[in-house]
All heavy atoms as atom14 arrays in JSON, in Angstrom:
{
  "sequence": "AGGISTPALAAAVSDAGGLGFLAGGYKTVEGLAEEI",
  "atom14_mask": [
    [1, 1, 1, 1, 1, 0, 0, 0, 0, 0, 0, 0, 0, 0],
    [1, 1, 1, 1, 0, 0, 0, 0, 0, 0, 0, 0, 0, 0],
    [1, 1, 1, 1, 0, 0, 0, 0, 0, 0, 0, 0, 0, 0],
    [1, 1, 1, 1, 1, 1, 1, 1, 0, 0, 0, 0, 0, 0],
    [1, 1, 1, 1, 1, 1, 0, 0, 0, 0, 0, 0, 0, 0],
    [1, 1, 1, 1, 1, 1, 1, 0, 0, 0, 0, 0, 0, 0],
    [1, 1, 1, 1, 1, 1, 1, 0, 0, 0, 0, 0, 0, 0],
    [1, 1, 1, 1, 1, 0, 0, 0, 0, 0, 0, 0, 0, 0],
    [1, 1, 1, 1, 1, 1, 1, 1, 0, 0, 0, 0, 0, 0],
    [1, 1, 1, 1, 1, 0, 0, 0, 0, 0, 0, 0, 0, 0],
    [1, 1, 1, 1, 1, 0, 0, 0, 0, 0, 0, 0, 0, 0],
    [1, 1, 1, 1, 1, 0, 0, 0, 0, 0, 0, 0, 0, 0],
    [1, 1, 1, 1, 1, 1, 1, 0, 0, 0, 0, 0, 0, 0],
    [1, 1, 1, 1, 1, 1, 0, 0, 0, 0, 0, 0, 0, 0],
    [1, 1, 1, 1, 1, 1, 1, 1, 0, 0, 0, 0, 0, 0],
    [1, 1, 1, 1, 1, 0, 0, 0, 0, 0, 0, 0, 0, 0],
    [1, 1, 1, 1, 0, 0, 0, 0, 0, 0, 0, 0, 0, 0],
    [1, 1, 1, 1, 0, 0, 0, 0, 0, 0, 0, 0, 0, 0],
    [1, 1, 1, 1, 1, 1, 1, 1, 0, 0, 0, 0, 0, 0],
    [1, 1, 1, 1, 0, 0, 0, 0, 0, 0, 0, 0, 0, 0],
    [1, 1, 1, 1, 1, 1, 1, 1, 1, 1, 1, 0, 0, 0],
    [1, 1, 1, 1, 1, 1, 1, 1, 0, 0, 0, 0, 0, 0],
    [1, 1, 1, 1, 1, 0, 0, 0, 0, 0, 0, 0, 0, 0],
    [1, 1, 1, 1, 0, 0, 0, 0, 0, 0, 0, 0, 0, 0],
    [1, 1, 1, 1, 0, 0, 0, 0, 0, 0, 0, 0, 0, 0],
    [1, 1, 1, 1, 1, 1, 1, 1, 1, 1, 1, 1, 0, 0],
    [1, 1, 1, 1, 1, 1, 1, 1, 1, 0, 0, 0, 0, 0],
    [1, 1, 1, 1, 1, 1, 1, 0, 0, 0, 0, 0, 0, 0],
    [1, 1, 1, 1, 1, 1, 1, 0, 0, 0, 0, 0, 0, 0],
    [1, 1, 1, 1, 1, 1, 1, 1, 1, 0, 0, 0, 0, 0],
    [1, 1, 1, 1, 0, 0, 0, 0, 0, 0, 0, 0, 0, 0],
    [1, 1, 1, 1, 1, 1, 1, 1, 0, 0, 0, 0, 0, 0],
    [1, 1, 1, 1, 1, 0, 0, 0, 0, 0, 0, 0, 0, 0],
    [1, 1, 1, 1, 1, 1, 1, 1, 1, 0, 0, 0, 0, 0],
    [1, 1, 1, 1, 1, 1, 1, 1, 1, 0, 0, 0, 0, 0],
    [1, 1, 1, 1, 1, 1, 1, 1, 0, 0, 0, 0, 0, 0]
  ],
  "atom14_positions": [
    [[-4.35, 2.28, -7.47], [-5.65, 2.0, -6.81], [-6.33, 0.76, -7.37], [-5.89, 0.18, -8.38], [-6.59, 3.2, -6.93], [0.0, 0.0, 0.0], [0.0, 0.0, 0.0], [0.0, 0.0, 0.0], [0.0, 0.0, 0.0], [0.0, 0.0, 0.0], [0.0, 0.0, 0.0], [0.0, 0.0, 0.0], [0.0, 0.0, 0.0], [0.0, 0.0, 0.0]],
    [[-7.31, 0.29, -6.68], [-8.07, -0.87, -7.1], [-7.48, -2.15, -6.55], [-7.76, -3.28, -7.03], [0.0, 0.0, 0.0], [0.0, 0.0, 0.0], [0.0, 0.0, 0.0], [0.0, 0.0, 0.0], [0.0, 0.0, 0.0], [0.0, 0.0, 0.0], [0.0, 0.0, 0.0], [0.0, 0.0, 0.0], [0.0, 0.0, 0.0], [0.0, 0.0, 0.0]],
    [[-6.66, -2.05, -5.52], [-6.13, -3.23, -4.86], [-4.79, -3.75, -5.37], [-4.28, -4.76, -4.87], [0.0, 0.0, 0.0], [0.0, 0.0, 0.0], [0.0, 0.0, 0.0], [0.0, 0.0, 0.0], [0.0, 0.0, 0.0], [0.0, 0.0, 0.0], [0.0, 0.0, 0.0], [0.0, 0.0, 0.0], [0.0, 0.0, 0.0], [0.0, 0.0, 0.0]],
    [[-4.18, -3.02, -6.3], [-2.93, -3.49, -6.9], [-1.74, -3.21, -5.98], [-0.88, -4.02, -5.8], [-2.71, -2.88, -8.27], [-3.79, -3.41, -9.23], [-1.31, -3.2, -8.81], [-3.81, -2.8, -10.62], [0.0, 0.0, 0.0], [0.0, 0.0, 0.0], [0.0, 0.0, 0.0], [0.0, 0.0, 0.0], [0.0, 0.0, 0.0], [0.0, 0.0, 0.0]],
    [[-1.73, -2.04, -5.4], [-0.61, -1.65, -4.54], [-0.85, -2.19, -3.12], [-1.33, -1.5, -2.25], [-0.43, -0.11, -4.5], [-0.03, 0.36, -5.73], [0.0, 0.0, 0.0], [0.0, 0.0, 0.0], [0.0, 0.0, 0.0], [0.0, 0.0, 0.0], [0.0, 0.0, 0.0], [0.0, 0.0, 0.0], [0.0, 0.0, 0.0], [0.0, 0.0, 0.0]],
    [[-0.47, -3.39, -2.92], [-0.66, -4.1, -1.66], [0.43, -3.73, -0.61], [1.51, -3.28, -1.01], [-0.67, -5.63, -1.84], [0.67, -5.98, -2.25], [-1.71, -6.08, -2.89], [0.0, 0.0, 0.0], [0.0, 0.0, 0.0], [0.0, 0.0, 0.0], [0.0, 0.0, 0.0], [0.0, 0.0, 0.0], [0.0, 0.0, 0.0], [0.0, 0.0, 0.0]],
    [[0.16, -3.97, 0.66], [1.21, -3.77, 1.63], [2.46, -4.61, 1.38], [3.58, -4.22, 1.55], [0.55, -4.2, 2.97], [-0.92, -3.91, 2.76], [-1.16, -4.24, 1.27], [0.0, 0.0, 0.0], [0.0, 0.0, 0.0], [0.0, 0.0, 0.0], [0.0, 0.0, 0.0], [0.0, 0.0, 0.0], [0.0, 0.0, 0.0], [0.0, 0.0, 0.0]],
    [[2.25, -5.87, 0.84], [3.38, -6.75, 0.55], [4.25, -6.16, -0.52], [5.49, -6.2, -0.51], [2.85, -8.11, 0.14], [0.0, 0.0, 0.0], [0.0, 0.0, 0.0], [0.0, 0.0, 0.0], [0.0, 0.0, 0.0], [0.0, 0.0, 0.0], [0.0, 0.0, 0.0], [0.0, 0.0, 0.0], [0.0, 0.0, 0.0], [0.0, 0.0, 0.0]],
    [[3.64, -5.56, -1.61], [4.38, -4.98, -2.7], [5.19, -3.74, -2.16], [6.35, -3.59, -2.43], [3.48, -4.54, -3.82], [4.13, -3.83, -5.01], [5.12, -4.78, -5.65], [3.04, -3.4, -5.98], [0.0, 0.0, 0.0], [0.0, 0.0, 0.0], [0.0, 0.0, 0.0], [0.0, 0.0, 0.0], [0.0, 0.0, 0.0], [0.0, 0.0, 0.0]],
    [[4.49, -2.85, -1.41], [5.14, -1.68, -0.89], [6.29, -2.0, 0.02], [7.35, -1.38, -0.05], [4.14, -0.74, -0.19], [0.0, 0.0, 0.0], [0.0, 0.0, 0.0], [0.0, 0.0, 0.0], [0.0, 0.0, 0.0], [0.0, 0.0, 0.0], [0.0, 0.0, 0.0], [0.0, 0.0, 0.0], [0.0, 0.0, 0.0], [0.0, 0.0, 0.0]],
    [[6.08, -3.02, 0.86], [7.13, -3.43, 1.78], [8.36, -3.92, 1.05], [9.51, -3.61, 1.4], [6.62, -4.46, 2.76], [0.0, 0.0, 0.0], [0.0, 0.0, 0.0], [0.0, 0.0, 0.0], [0.0, 0.0, 0.0], [0.0, 0.0, 0.0], [0.0, 0.0, 0.0], [0.0, 0.0, 0.0], [0.0, 0.0, 0.0], [0.0, 0.0, 0.0]],
    [[8.11, -4.74, 0.04], [9.25, -5.32, -0.75], [10.08, -4.27, -1.41], [11.31, -4.3, -1.44], [8.72, -6.33, -1.69], [0.0, 0.0, 0.0], [0.0, 0.0, 0.0], [0.0, 0.0, 0.0], [0.0, 0.0, 0.0], [0.0, 0.0, 0.0], [0.0, 0.0, 0.0], [0.0, 0.0, 0.0], [0.0, 0.0, 0.0], [0.0, 0.0, 0.0]],
    [[9.36, -3.26, -2.0], [10.09, -2.17, -2.7], [10.87, -1.32, -1.7], [12.05, -0.99, -1.94], [9.08, -1.32, -3.49], [9.78, -0.1, -4.05], [8.48, -2.15, -4.63], [0.0, 0.0, 0.0], [0.0, 0.0, 0.0], [0.0, 0.0, 0.0], [0.0, 0.0, 0.0], [0.0, 0.0, 0.0], [0.0, 0.0, 0.0], [0.0, 0.0, 0.0]],
    [[10.26, -0.98, -0.57], [10.95, -0.13, 0.44], [12.12, -0.89, 0.99], [13.22, -0.3, 1.2], [10.0, 0.26, 1.54], [9.05, 1.2, 1.06], [0.0, 0.0, 0.0], [0.0, 0.0, 0.0], [0.0, 0.0, 0.0], [0.0, 0.0, 0.0], [0.0, 0.0, 0.0], [0.0, 0.0, 0.0], [0.0, 0.0, 0.0], [0.0, 0.0, 0.0]],
    [[11.97, -2.19, 1.28], [13.04, -3.0, 1.84], [14.19, -3.13, 0.85], [15.39, -3.32, 1.27], [12.56, -4.38, 2.28], [11.83, -4.3, 3.66], [11.97, -3.29, 4.33], [11.15, -5.31, 3.93], [0.0, 0.0, 0.0], [0.0, 0.0, 0.0], [0.0, 0.0, 0.0], [0.0, 0.0, 0.0], [0.0, 0.0, 0.0], [0.0, 0.0, 0.0]],
    [[13.91, -3.02, -0.43], [14.96, -3.17, -1.46], [15.65, -1.84, -1.72], [16.53, -1.75, -2.66], [14.37, -3.71, -2.74], [0.0, 0.0, 0.0], [0.0, 0.0, 0.0], [0.0, 0.0, 0.0], [0.0, 0.0, 0.0], [0.0, 0.0, 0.0], [0.0, 0.0, 0.0], [0.0, 0.0, 0.0], [0.0, 0.0, 0.0], [0.0, 0.0, 0.0]],
    [[15.34, -0.8, -0.96], [16.02, 0.48, -1.15], [15.25, 1.56, -1.89], [15.72, 2.65, -2.03], [0.0, 0.0, 0.0], [0.0, 0.0, 0.0], [0.0, 0.0, 0.0], [0.0, 0.0, 0.0], [0.0, 0.0, 0.0], [0.0, 0.0, 0.0], [0.0, 0.0, 0.0], [0.0, 0.0, 0.0], [0.0, 0.0, 0.0], [0.0, 0.0, 0.0]],
    [[14.01, 1.18, -2.38], [13.23, 2.19, -3.03], [12.15, 2.74, -2.05], [12.35, 2.75, -0.88], [0.0, 0.0, 0.0], [0.0, 0.0, 0.0], [0.0, 0.0, 0.0], [0.0, 0.0, 0.0], [0.0, 0.0, 0.0], [0.0, 0.0, 0.0], [0.0, 0.0, 0.0], [0.0, 0.0, 0.0], [0.0, 0.0, 0.0], [0.0, 0.0, 0.0]],
    [[11.03, 3.18, -2.65], [9.97, 3.74, -1.83], [8.68, 3.13, -2.27], [8.21, 3.33, -3.38], [9.89, 5.23, -1.94], [8.78, 5.96, -1.17], [8.96, 5.73, 0.33], [8.73, 7.46, -1.5], [0.0, 0.0, 0.0], [0.0, 0.0, 0.0], [0.0, 0.0, 0.0], [0.0, 0.0, 0.0], [0.0, 0.0, 0.0], [0.0, 0.0, 0.0]],
    [[8.11, 2.28, -1.38], [6.82, 1.69, -1.71], [5.63, 2.54, -1.32], [5.7, 3.28, -0.3], [0.0, 0.0, 0.0], [0.0, 0.0, 0.0], [0.0, 0.0, 0.0], [0.0, 0.0, 0.0], [0.0, 0.0, 0.0], [0.0, 0.0, 0.0], [0.0, 0.0, 0.0], [0.0, 0.0, 0.0], [0.0, 0.0, 0.0], [0.0, 0.0, 0.0]],
    [[4.54, 2.47, -2.06], [3.34, 3.31, -1.81], [2.14, 2.46, -1.71], [1.88, 1.53, -2.44], [3.17, 4.31, -2.96], [3.56, 5.69, -2.59], [4.85, 6.18, -2.85], [2.62, 6.62, -2.13], [5.22, 7.47, -2.56], [2.99, 7.91, -1.79], [4.31, 8.35, -2.03], [0.0, 0.0, 0.0], [0.0, 0.0, 0.0], [0.0, 0.0, 0.0]],
    [[1.2, 2.88, -0.81], [-0.15, 2.39, -0.74], [-1.02, 3.38, -1.47], [-0.76, 4.6, -1.43], [-0.59, 2.22, 0.7], [0.07, 1.23, 1.59], [-0.46, 1.23, 2.98], [-0.04, -0.2, 0.99], [0.0, 0.0, 0.0], [0.0, 0.0, 0.0], [0.0, 0.0, 0.0], [0.0, 0.0, 0.0], [0.0, 0.0, 0.0], [0.0, 0.0, 0.0]],
    [[-2.13, 2.88, -2.08], [-3.09, 3.73, -2.77], [-4.34, 3.9, -1.93], [-5.03, 2.93, -1.66], [-3.4, 3.13, -4.11], [0.0, 0.0, 0.0], [0.0, 0.0, 0.0], [0.0, 0.0, 0.0], [0.0, 0.0, 0.0], [0.0, 0.0, 0.0], [0.0, 0.0, 0.0], [0.0, 0.0, 0.0], [0.0, 0.0, 0.0], [0.0, 0.0, 0.0]],
    [[-4.63, 5.09, -1.46], [-5.76, 5.33, -0.64], [-7.06, 5.48, -1.4], [-8.14, 5.37, -0.84], [0.0, 0.0, 0.0], [0.0, 0.0, 0.0], [0.0, 0.0, 0.0], [0.0, 0.0, 0.0], [0.0, 0.0, 0.0], [0.0, 0.0, 0.0], [0.0, 0.0, 0.0], [0.0, 0.0, 0.0], [0.0, 0.0, 0.0], [0.0, 0.0, 0.0]],
    [[-6.95, 5.71, -2.7], [-8.16, 5.92, -3.51], [-9.09, 4.76, -3.56], [-8.62, 3.58, -3.63], [0.0, 0.0, 0.0], [0.0, 0.0, 0.0], [0.0, 0.0, 0.0], [0.0, 0.0, 0.0], [0.0, 0.0, 0.0], [0.0, 0.0, 0.0], [0.0, 0.0, 0.0], [0.0, 0.0, 0.0], [0.0, 0.0, 0.0], [0.0, 0.0, 0.0]],
    [[-10.36, 4.99, -3.45], [-11.46, 4.0, -3.47], [-11.56, 3.21, -2.17], [-12.57, 2.5, -1.95], [-11.36, 2.99, -4.62], [-11.2, 3.63, -6.0], [-10.33, 3.09, -6.92], [-11.94, 4.72, -6.36], [-10.19, 3.68, -8.17], [-11.82, 5.33, -7.58], [-10.95, 4.77, -8.51], [-10.81, 5.35, -9.73], [0.0, 0.0, 0.0], [0.0, 0.0, 0.0]],
    [[-10.59, 3.21, -1.32], [-10.62, 2.46, -0.09], [-11.42, 3.15, 1.01], [-11.47, 4.41, 1.05], [-9.23, 2.16, 0.44], [-8.44, 1.17, -0.41], [-7.16, 0.78, 0.38], [-6.4, -0.25, -0.43], [-5.78, 0.29, -1.62], [0.0, 0.0, 0.0], [0.0, 0.0, 0.0], [0.0, 0.0, 0.0], [0.0, 0.0, 0.0], [0.0, 0.0, 0.0]],
    [[-12.0, 2.4, 1.94], [-12.55, 3.04, 3.1], [-11.43, 3.44, 4.04], [-10.27, 2.96, 3.87], [-13.43, 2.04, 3.87], [-12.63, 0.88, 4.36], [-14.55, 1.48, 3.02], [0.0, 0.0, 0.0], [0.0, 0.0, 0.0], [0.0, 0.0, 0.0], [0.0, 0.0, 0.0], [0.0, 0.0, 0.0], [0.0, 0.0, 0.0], [0.0, 0.0, 0.0]],
    [[-11.73, 4.36, 4.89], [-10.71, 4.8, 5.84], [-10.22, 3.6, 6.7], [-9.03, 3.46, 6.98], [-11.23, 5.93, 6.74], [-10.23, 6.31, 7.87], [-11.55, 7.16, 5.88], [0.0, 0.0, 0.0], [0.0, 0.0, 0.0], [0.0, 0.0, 0.0], [0.0, 0.0, 0.0], [0.0, 0.0, 0.0], [0.0, 0.0, 0.0], [0.0, 0.0, 0.0]],
    [[-11.2, 2.78, 7.13], [-10.84, 1.64, 7.91], [-9.97, 0.65, 7.18], [-9.01, 0.11, 7.7], [-12.15, 0.93, 8.43], [-12.99, 1.75, 9.34], [-13.72, 2.89, 8.69], [-13.89, 2.85, 7.46], [-14.15, 3.82, 9.42], [0.0, 0.0, 0.0], [0.0, 0.0, 0.0], [0.0, 0.0, 0.0], [0.0, 0.0, 0.0], [0.0, 0.0, 0.0]],
    [[-10.28, 0.46, 5.91], [-9.47, -0.42, 5.04], [-8.07, 0.08, 4.85], [-7.06, -0.72, 4.94], [0.0, 0.0, 0.0], [0.0, 0.0, 0.0], [0.0, 0.0, 0.0], [0.0, 0.0, 0.0], [0.0, 0.0, 0.0], [0.0, 0.0, 0.0], [0.0, 0.0, 0.0], [0.0, 0.0, 0.0], [0.0, 0.0, 0.0], [0.0, 0.0, 0.0]],
    [[-7.96, 1.39, 4.67], [-6.59, 2.0, 4.48], [-5.83, 1.91, 5.81], [-4.58, 1.64, 5.72], [-6.73, 3.44, 4.02], [-5.46, 4.23, 3.78], [-4.59, 3.53, 2.79], [-5.74, 5.66, 3.34], [0.0, 0.0, 0.0], [0.0, 0.0, 0.0], [0.0, 0.0, 0.0], [0.0, 0.0, 0.0], [0.0, 0.0, 0.0], [0.0, 0.0, 0.0]],
    [[-6.46, 2.11, 6.92], [-5.81, 2.02, 8.21], [-5.26, 0.64, 8.43], [-4.16, 0.42, 8.9], [-6.78, 2.42, 9.33], [0.0, 0.0, 0.0], [0.0, 0.0, 0.0], [0.0, 0.0, 0.0], [0.0, 0.0, 0.0], [0.0, 0.0, 0.0], [0.0, 0.0, 0.0], [0.0, 0.0, 0.0], [0.0, 0.0, 0.0], [0.0, 0.0, 0.0]],
    [[-6.01, -0.4, 8.01], [-5.56, -1.77, 8.16], [-4.35, -2.04, 7.29], [-3.38, -2.72, 7.68], [-6.67, -2.75, 7.76], [-7.81, -2.81, 8.78], [-8.93, -3.75, 8.32], [-8.74, -4.47, 7.31], [-10.03, -3.75, 8.95], [0.0, 0.0, 0.0], [0.0, 0.0, 0.0], [0.0, 0.0, 0.0], [0.0, 0.0, 0.0], [0.0, 0.0, 0.0]],
    [[-4.34, -1.47, 6.08], [-3.19, -1.69, 5.19], [-1.92, -1.04, 5.77], [-0.84, -1.52, 5.63], [-3.55, -1.17, 3.81], [-4.53, -1.98, 3.04], [-4.44, -1.8, 1.55], [-3.74, -0.87, 1.11], [-4.96, -2.64, 0.81], [0.0, 0.0, 0.0], [0.0, 0.0, 0.0], [0.0, 0.0, 0.0], [0.0, 0.0, 0.0], [0.0, 0.0, 0.0]],
    [[-2.12, 0.19, 6.33], [-0.91, 0.86, 6.94], [-0.37, 0.01, 8.04], [0.86, -0.15, 8.19], [-1.34, 2.29, 7.37], [-1.63, 3.16, 6.18], [-0.21, 2.87, 8.23], [-2.25, 4.49, 6.59], [0.0, 0.0, 0.0], [0.0, 0.0, 0.0], [0.0, 0.0, 0.0], [0.0, 0.0, 0.0], [0.0, 0.0, 0.0], [0.0, 0.0, 0.0]]
  ]
}
């Protein structure tokens, strides 16, 4: 949380065969929806 787990980071990890995660903590619902 706190902005570290970005969509770009999660996408890169998932595309490389792992599983990328977004952090919903502290974000607004609207902000999390935009990241998804």
